[in-house]
């Protein structure tokens, strides 16, 4: 897993946790931390999470490689 994959996974997890909080407690953590839903930083975070979700679709179509021990 390379750096971009890890970053995408972290952003998708942040998005999932935020949606979980919204669904369970009507609490938007991203908006609360960054100045409201319409604040520029909140919108940037929402956009990055959305792009990470789109990028993560590629995980479904990748071939899994198993490292071999050539000792």
C-alpha atoms as a PDB file:
ATOM      1  CA  UNK A   1       0.000   0.000   0.000  1.00  0.00           C
ATOM      2  CA  UNK A   2       1.576   3.268  -1.056  1.00  0.00           C
ATOM      3  CA  UNK A   3       1.301   6.724   0.499  1.00  0.00           C
ATOM      4  CA  UNK A   4      -1.601   7.889  -1.677  1.00  0.00           C
ATOM      5  CA  UNK A   5      -3.573   4.756  -0.789  1.00  0.00           C
ATOM      6  CA  UNK A   6      -2.981   5.342   2.930  1.00  0.00           C
ATOM      7  CA  UNK A   7      -3.966   9.005   2.674  1.00  0.00           C
ATOM      8  CA  UNK A   8      -7.154   8.085   0.807  1.00  0.00           C
ATOM      9  CA  UNK A   9      -7.973   5.442   3.409  1.00  0.00           C
ATOM     10  CA  UNK A  10      -7.451   7.930   6.267  1.00  0.00           C
ATOM     11  CA  UNK A  11      -9.731  10.472   4.589  1.00  0.00           C
ATOM     12  CA  UNK A  12     -12.408   7.854   3.916  1.00  0.00           C
ATOM     13  CA  UNK A  13     -12.268   6.802   7.581  1.00  0.00           C
ATOM     14  CA  UNK A  14     -12.617  10.440   8.671  1.00  0.00           C
ATOM     15  CA  UNK A  15     -15.622  10.793   6.377  1.00  0.00           C
ATOM     16  CA  UNK A  16     -17.198   7.589   7.664  1.00  0.00           C
ATOM     17  CA  UNK A  17     -16.738   8.635  11.294  1.00  0.00           C
ATOM     18  CA  UNK A  18     -18.182  12.065  10.550  1.00  0.00           C
ATOM     19  CA  UNK A  19     -21.236  10.545   8.835  1.00  0.00           C
ATOM     20  CA  UNK A  20     -21.653   8.141  11.737  1.00  0.00           C
ATOM     21  CA  UNK A  21     -21.687  11.063  14.170  1.00  0.00           C
ATOM     22  CA  UNK A  22     -24.184  12.922  11.986  1.00  0.00           C
ATOM     23  CA  UNK A  23     -26.459   9.889  11.765  1.00  0.00           C
ATOM     24  CA  UNK A  24     -26.323   8.934  15.427  1.00  0.00           C
ATOM     25  CA  UNK A  25     -26.032  12.265  17.199  1.00  0.00           C
ATOM     26  CA  UNK A  26     -26.765  14.971  14.584  1.00  0.00           C
ATOM     27  CA  UNK A  27     -23.224  16.255  15.217  1.00  0.00           C
ATOM     28  CA  UNK A  28     -20.998  17.290  12.315  1.00  0.00           C
ATOM     29  CA  UNK A  29     -17.453  17.076  13.701  1.00  0.00           C
ATOM     30  CA  UNK A  30     -15.794  18.561  10.610  1.00  0.00           C
ATOM     31  CA  UNK A  31     -18.091  21.594  10.658  1.00  0.00           C
ATOM     32  CA  UNK A  32     -17.642  21.966  14.394  1.00  0.00           C
ATOM     33  CA  UNK A  33     -13.841  21.887  14.178  1.00  0.00           C
ATOM     34  CA  UNK A  34     -13.423  24.079  11.114  1.00  0.00           C
ATOM     35  CA  UNK A  35     -16.029  26.840  11.443  1.00  0.00           C
ATOM     36  CA  UNK A  36     -19.306  25.526  10.063  1.00  0.00           C
ATOM     37  CA  UNK A  37     -20.420  23.659   6.972  1.00  0.00           C
ATOM     38  CA  UNK A  38     -19.901  26.629   4.665  1.00  0.00           C
ATOM     39  CA  UNK A  39     -16.448  27.567   5.951  1.00  0.00           C
ATOM     40  CA  UNK A  40     -13.726  27.250   3.329  1.00  0.00           C
ATOM     41  CA  UNK A  41     -11.687  24.755   5.374  1.00  0.00           C
ATOM     42  CA  UNK A  42     -14.722  22.549   6.044  1.00  0.00           C
ATOM     43  CA  UNK A  43     -15.597  22.544   2.353  1.00  0.00           C
ATOM     44  CA  UNK A  44     -11.995  21.622   1.533  1.00  0.00           C
ATOM     45  CA  UNK A  45     -12.132  18.688   3.961  1.00  0.00           C
ATOM     46  CA  UNK A  46     -15.488  17.542   2.545  1.00  0.00           C
ATOM     47  CA  UNK A  47     -14.075  17.777  -0.991  1.00  0.00           C
ATOM     48  CA  UNK A  48     -10.927  15.832  -0.096  1.00  0.00           C
ATOM     49  CA  UNK A  49     -13.009  13.126   1.589  1.00  0.00           C
ATOM     50  CA  UNK A  50     -15.193  12.880  -1.528  1.00  0.00           C
ATOM     51  CA  UNK A  51     -12.167  12.625  -3.820  1.00  0.00           C
ATOM     52  CA  UNK A  52     -10.644  10.004  -1.531  1.00  0.00           C
ATOM     53  CA  UNK A  53     -13.865   8.011  -1.765  1.00  0.00           C
ATOM     54  CA  UNK A  54     -13.754   8.127  -5.546  1.00  0.00           C
ATOM     55  CA  UNK A  55     -10.090   7.129  -5.556  1.00  0.00           C
ATOM     56  CA  UNK A  56     -10.849   4.256  -3.164  1.00  0.00           C
ATOM     57  CA  UNK A  57     -13.119   2.682  -5.760  1.00  0.00           C
ATOM     58  CA  UNK A  58      -9.902   1.566  -7.468  1.00  0.00           C
ATOM     59  CA  UNK A  59      -9.208  -0.707  -4.474  1.00  0.00           C
ATOM     60  CA  UNK A  60     -12.061  -2.942  -5.642  1.00  0.00           C
ATOM     61  CA  UNK A  61     -10.397  -3.649  -8.977  1.00  0.00           C
ATOM     62  CA  UNK A  62      -6.801  -4.212  -7.932  1.00  0.00           C
ATOM     63  CA  UNK A  63      -5.152  -7.585  -8.082  1.00  0.00           C
ATOM     64  CA  UNK A  64      -3.968  -8.705  -4.677  1.00  0.00           C
ATOM     65  CA  UNK A  65      -0.304  -9.605  -4.705  1.00  0.00           C
ATOM     66  CA  UNK A  66       1.194 -11.947  -2.164  1.00  0.00           C
ATOM     67  CA  UNK A  67       4.878 -11.446  -1.363  1.00  0.00           C
ATOM     68  CA  UNK A  68       6.932 -14.559  -1.940  1.00  0.00           C
ATOM     69  CA  UNK A  69       9.790 -15.724   0.230  1.00  0.00           C
ATOM     70  CA  UNK A  70      12.608 -16.652  -2.128  1.00  0.00           C
ATOM     71  CA  UNK A  71      15.008 -17.843   0.632  1.00  0.00           C
END
